[in-house]
Amino acid sequence: MCTSIVEIVPADGAGKGGDGWFTLTHSVVSYDHPHHALLEEAITLDFVNSAMGPEARVAVELTLESAKALSQALVKAIEAADLAEGGRHRNT
């Protein structure tokens, strides 16, 4: 079953593919049949620079449970980073 669940967001950062590091332009998060993971369905994360062709892509396929754990870890790390950054930029 194809789910058609796809979220695309701009990305400002870098990814490392087979040819080395490249600048990212966007990230794609989807839930569908994986290409490589031996799963019925997977959350797929693609970090890409579409102007550079298919070589400029980093892909990850995760179980739904692993994706949930990653999401929680991201939220915790972002909250901690916001606190750390807030302390650096206070007006004294």
N, C-alpha and C. Protein backbone atom coordinates (compact mmCIF):
# COMPACT_ATOMS: atom_id res chain seq x y z
N MET A 1 0.84 -1.17 0.00
CA MET A 1 0.00 0.00 0.00
C MET A 1 0.89 1.24 0.00
N CYS A 2 0.69 2.13 -0.93
CA CYS A 2 1.40 3.40 -0.96
C CYS A 2 0.67 4.39 -0.07
N THR A 3 1.41 5.07 0.78
CA THR A 3 0.76 5.96 1.74
C THR A 3 0.65 7.39 1.26
N SER A 4 1.53 7.81 0.37
CA SER A 4 1.58 9.21 -0.11
C SER A 4 1.85 10.19 1.02
N ILE A 5 2.49 9.72 2.09
CA ILE A 5 2.86 10.60 3.20
C ILE A 5 4.25 11.14 2.91
N VAL A 6 4.33 12.44 2.63
CA VAL A 6 5.59 13.09 2.29
C VAL A 6 5.60 14.50 2.85
N GLU A 7 6.67 14.85 3.53
CA GLU A 7 6.88 16.21 4.02
C GLU A 7 8.23 16.68 3.49
N ILE A 8 8.26 17.88 2.91
CA ILE A 8 9.49 18.44 2.36
C ILE A 8 9.74 19.78 3.03
N VAL A 9 10.97 19.95 3.53
CA VAL A 9 11.33 21.21 4.20
C VAL A 9 12.70 21.68 3.69
N PRO A 10 12.91 22.99 3.66
CA PRO A 10 14.23 23.50 3.31
C PRO A 10 15.26 23.03 4.33
N ALA A 11 16.49 22.83 3.89
CA ALA A 11 17.56 22.43 4.80
C ALA A 11 18.78 23.30 4.54
N ASP A 12 19.36 23.81 5.60
CA ASP A 12 20.57 24.61 5.51
C ASP A 12 21.64 23.88 6.30
N GLY A 13 22.50 23.16 5.61
CA GLY A 13 23.53 22.37 6.27
C GLY A 13 24.34 21.62 5.25
N ALA A 14 24.88 20.48 5.65
CA ALA A 14 25.71 19.67 4.76
C ALA A 14 25.44 18.20 5.00
N GLY A 15 25.65 17.40 3.97
CA GLY A 15 25.51 15.95 4.05
C GLY A 15 26.73 15.31 3.42
N LYS A 16 27.03 14.08 3.83
CA LYS A 16 28.18 13.39 3.27
C LYS A 16 27.71 12.17 2.49
N GLY A 17 27.97 12.18 1.21
CA GLY A 17 27.63 11.07 0.33
C GLY A 17 28.88 10.35 -0.12
N GLY A 18 28.74 9.51 -1.14
CA GLY A 18 29.86 8.73 -1.65
C GLY A 18 30.99 9.58 -2.21
N ASP A 19 30.66 10.78 -2.68
CA ASP A 19 31.67 11.67 -3.25
C ASP A 19 32.15 12.73 -2.27
N GLY A 20 31.81 12.58 -1.00
CA GLY A 20 32.22 13.56 0.02
C GLY A 20 31.08 14.47 0.44
N TRP A 21 31.43 15.56 1.07
CA TRP A 21 30.45 16.49 1.62
C TRP A 21 29.83 17.36 0.53
N PHE A 22 28.55 17.70 0.72
CA PHE A 22 27.85 18.59 -0.19
C PHE A 22 26.85 19.43 0.59
N THR A 23 26.52 20.59 0.05
CA THR A 23 25.56 21.49 0.67
C THR A 23 24.15 20.95 0.48
N LEU A 24 23.35 20.99 1.54
CA LEU A 24 21.95 20.54 1.46
C LEU A 24 21.05 21.68 1.02
N THR A 25 20.00 21.33 0.28
CA THR A 25 18.98 22.31 -0.08
C THR A 25 17.65 22.01 0.58
N HIS A 26 17.35 20.72 0.79
CA HIS A 26 16.10 20.37 1.45
C HIS A 26 16.16 18.94 2.01
N SER A 27 15.20 18.68 2.87
CA SER A 27 15.04 17.36 3.47
C SER A 27 13.66 16.84 3.14
N VAL A 28 13.57 15.54 2.92
CA VAL A 28 12.30 14.90 2.62
C VAL A 28 12.07 13.80 3.67
N VAL A 29 10.92 13.83 4.30
CA VAL A 29 10.52 12.80 5.25
C VAL A 29 9.29 12.12 4.68
N SER A 30 9.35 10.79 4.57
CA SER A 30 8.21 10.07 4.00
C SER A 30 7.97 8.77 4.77
N TYR A 31 6.78 8.23 4.59
CA TYR A 31 6.42 6.94 5.16
C TYR A 31 5.87 6.11 4.02
N ASP A 32 6.61 5.08 3.63
CA ASP A 32 6.21 4.27 2.48
C ASP A 32 7.07 3.00 2.47
N HIS A 33 7.02 2.28 1.37
CA HIS A 33 7.85 1.09 1.21
C HIS A 33 9.32 1.49 1.14
N PRO A 34 10.18 0.88 1.95
CA PRO A 34 11.60 1.20 1.87
C PRO A 34 12.24 0.55 0.63
N HIS A 35 13.38 1.10 0.22
CA HIS A 35 14.10 0.54 -0.91
C HIS A 35 15.11 -0.52 -0.48
N HIS A 36 15.67 -0.38 0.72
CA HIS A 36 16.72 -1.29 1.15
C HIS A 36 16.43 -2.01 2.47
N ALA A 37 15.82 -1.33 3.42
CA ALA A 37 15.52 -1.96 4.71
C ALA A 37 14.49 -3.06 4.51
N LEU A 38 14.67 -4.14 5.21
CA LEU A 38 13.75 -5.28 5.09
C LEU A 38 12.54 -5.05 6.00
N LEU A 39 11.73 -4.08 5.61
CA LEU A 39 10.54 -3.69 6.36
C LEU A 39 9.37 -3.55 5.42
N GLU A 40 8.17 -3.73 5.94
CA GLU A 40 6.96 -3.53 5.14
C GLU A 40 6.80 -2.05 4.79
N GLU A 41 6.95 -1.19 5.78
CA GLU A 41 6.88 0.27 5.63
C GLU A 41 8.01 0.86 6.46
N ALA A 42 8.44 2.06 6.10
CA ALA A 42 9.52 2.71 6.85
C ALA A 42 9.38 4.23 6.77
N ILE A 43 9.87 4.89 7.79
CA ILE A 43 10.08 6.33 7.72
C ILE A 43 11.41 6.51 7.00
N THR A 44 11.38 7.27 5.91
CA THR A 44 12.60 7.52 5.14
C THR A 44 12.97 8.99 5.26
N LEU A 45 14.23 9.24 5.58
CA LEU A 45 14.77 10.59 5.65
C LEU A 45 15.73 10.75 4.48
N ASP A 46 15.50 11.74 3.65
CA ASP A 46 16.39 12.04 2.54
C ASP A 46 16.89 13.46 2.72
N PHE A 47 18.20 13.62 2.69
CA PHE A 47 18.83 14.92 2.75
C PHE A 47 19.48 15.13 1.39
N VAL A 48 19.09 16.17 0.65
CA VAL A 48 19.49 16.26 -0.75
C VAL A 48 19.89 17.67 -1.17
N ASN A 49 20.58 17.70 -2.31
CA ASN A 49 20.80 18.91 -3.08
C ASN A 49 20.42 18.55 -4.50
N SER A 50 19.19 18.85 -4.88
CA SER A 50 18.66 18.39 -6.16
C SER A 50 19.43 18.96 -7.34
N ALA A 51 20.06 20.11 -7.20
CA ALA A 51 20.82 20.70 -8.29
C ALA A 51 22.08 19.90 -8.62
N MET A 52 22.53 19.07 -7.68
CA MET A 52 23.76 18.31 -7.88
C MET A 52 23.52 16.89 -8.38
N GLY A 53 22.27 16.50 -8.57
CA GLY A 53 21.96 15.18 -9.09
C GLY A 53 21.82 14.14 -8.00
N PRO A 54 21.59 12.88 -8.40
CA PRO A 54 21.30 11.81 -7.43
C PRO A 54 22.46 11.46 -6.50
N GLU A 55 23.68 11.84 -6.85
CA GLU A 55 24.82 11.55 -5.98
C GLU A 55 24.80 12.40 -4.72
N ALA A 56 24.11 13.54 -4.78
CA ALA A 56 24.04 14.45 -3.64
C ALA A 56 22.80 14.12 -2.81
N ARG A 57 22.83 12.92 -2.21
CA ARG A 57 21.68 12.44 -1.43
C ARG A 57 22.20 11.56 -0.30
N VAL A 58 21.67 11.78 0.88
CA VAL A 58 21.91 10.90 2.02
C VAL A 58 20.55 10.39 2.44
N ALA A 59 20.37 9.07 2.49
CA ALA A 59 19.08 8.49 2.81
C ALA A 59 19.19 7.57 4.01
N VAL A 60 18.13 7.55 4.82
CA VAL A 60 18.04 6.67 5.99
C VAL A 60 16.63 6.10 6.02
N GLU A 61 16.51 4.80 6.22
CA GLU A 61 15.21 4.14 6.35
C GLU A 61 15.10 3.55 7.75
N LEU A 62 14.07 3.94 8.48
CA LEU A 62 13.90 3.56 9.89
C LEU A 62 12.55 2.91 10.14
N THR A 63 12.53 2.02 11.13
CA THR A 63 11.23 1.54 11.60
C THR A 63 10.49 2.72 12.23
N LEU A 64 9.19 2.61 12.33
CA LEU A 64 8.40 3.66 12.95
C LEU A 64 8.85 3.90 14.39
N GLU A 65 9.17 2.82 15.11
CA GLU A 65 9.63 2.95 16.50
C GLU A 65 10.96 3.69 16.58
N SER A 66 11.88 3.37 15.68
CA SER A 66 13.17 4.06 15.66
C SER A 66 13.00 5.53 15.31
N ALA A 67 12.10 5.82 14.38
CA ALA A 67 11.84 7.21 13.99
C ALA A 67 11.26 8.00 15.16
N LYS A 68 10.38 7.37 15.93
CA LYS A 68 9.81 8.04 17.11
C LYS A 68 10.89 8.34 18.13
N ALA A 69 11.79 7.39 18.37
CA ALA A 69 12.89 7.60 19.32
C ALA A 69 13.81 8.72 18.81
N LEU A 70 14.09 8.74 17.52
CA LEU A 70 14.92 9.79 16.94
C LEU A 70 14.24 11.15 17.09
N SER A 71 12.94 11.20 16.84
CA SER A 71 12.18 12.44 16.99
C SER A 71 12.27 12.98 18.41
N GLN A 72 12.12 12.10 19.39
CA GLN A 72 12.22 12.51 20.80
C GLN A 72 13.63 13.00 21.13
N ALA A 73 14.64 12.32 20.59
CA ALA A 73 16.02 12.74 20.84
C ALA A 73 16.30 14.10 20.19
N LEU A 74 15.76 14.32 19.00
CA LEU A 74 15.92 15.62 18.34
C LEU A 74 15.28 16.74 19.16
N VAL A 75 14.08 16.50 19.65
CA VAL A 75 13.40 17.51 20.46
C VAL A 75 14.23 17.85 21.70
N LYS A 76 14.74 16.84 22.39
CA LYS A 76 15.55 17.07 23.59
C LYS A 76 16.83 17.84 23.25
N ALA A 77 17.51 17.44 22.18
CA ALA A 77 18.75 18.11 21.79
C ALA A 77 18.48 19.56 21.37
N ILE A 78 17.39 19.79 20.64
CA ILE A 78 17.05 21.15 20.20
C ILE A 78 16.71 22.02 21.40
N GLU A 79 15.95 21.49 22.36
CA GLU A 79 15.62 22.25 23.57
C GLU A 79 16.88 22.62 24.33
N ALA A 80 17.80 21.66 24.48
CA ALA A 80 19.06 21.92 25.18
C ALA A 80 19.90 22.95 24.42
N ALA A 81 19.93 22.85 23.10
CA ALA A 81 20.69 23.80 22.28
C ALA A 81 20.09 25.20 22.39
N ASP A 82 18.76 25.29 22.38
CA ASP A 82 18.11 26.59 22.55
C ASP A 82 18.50 27.23 23.88
N LEU A 83 18.53 26.43 24.94
CA LEU A 83 18.94 26.95 26.24
C LEU A 83 20.40 27.41 26.21
N ALA A 84 21.26 26.61 25.62
CA ALA A 84 22.68 26.96 25.54
C ALA A 84 22.88 28.22 24.70
N GLU A 85 22.20 28.31 23.58
CA GLU A 85 22.33 29.48 22.70
C GLU A 85 21.72 30.72 23.35
N GLY A 86 20.63 30.54 24.09
CA GLY A 86 20.00 31.67 24.76
C GLY A 86 20.92 32.30 25.79
N GLY A 87 21.70 31.49 26.46
CA GLY A 87 22.65 32.00 27.44
C GLY A 87 23.78 32.78 26.80
N ARG A 88 24.12 32.48 25.58
CA ARG A 88 25.21 33.16 24.88
C ARG A 88 24.80 34.51 24.34
N HIS A 89 23.52 34.69 24.07
CA HIS A 89 23.09 35.90 23.37
C HIS A 89 22.29 36.85 24.26
N ARG A 90 22.42 36.71 25.56
CA ARG A 90 21.71 37.62 26.47
C ARG A 90 22.40 38.97 26.49
N ASN A 91 21.59 40.01 26.52
CA ASN A 91 22.14 41.36 26.67
C ASN A 91 22.51 41.57 28.12
N THR A 92 23.70 42.07 28.39
CA THR A 92 24.13 42.28 29.79
C THR A 92 24.13 43.73 30.13
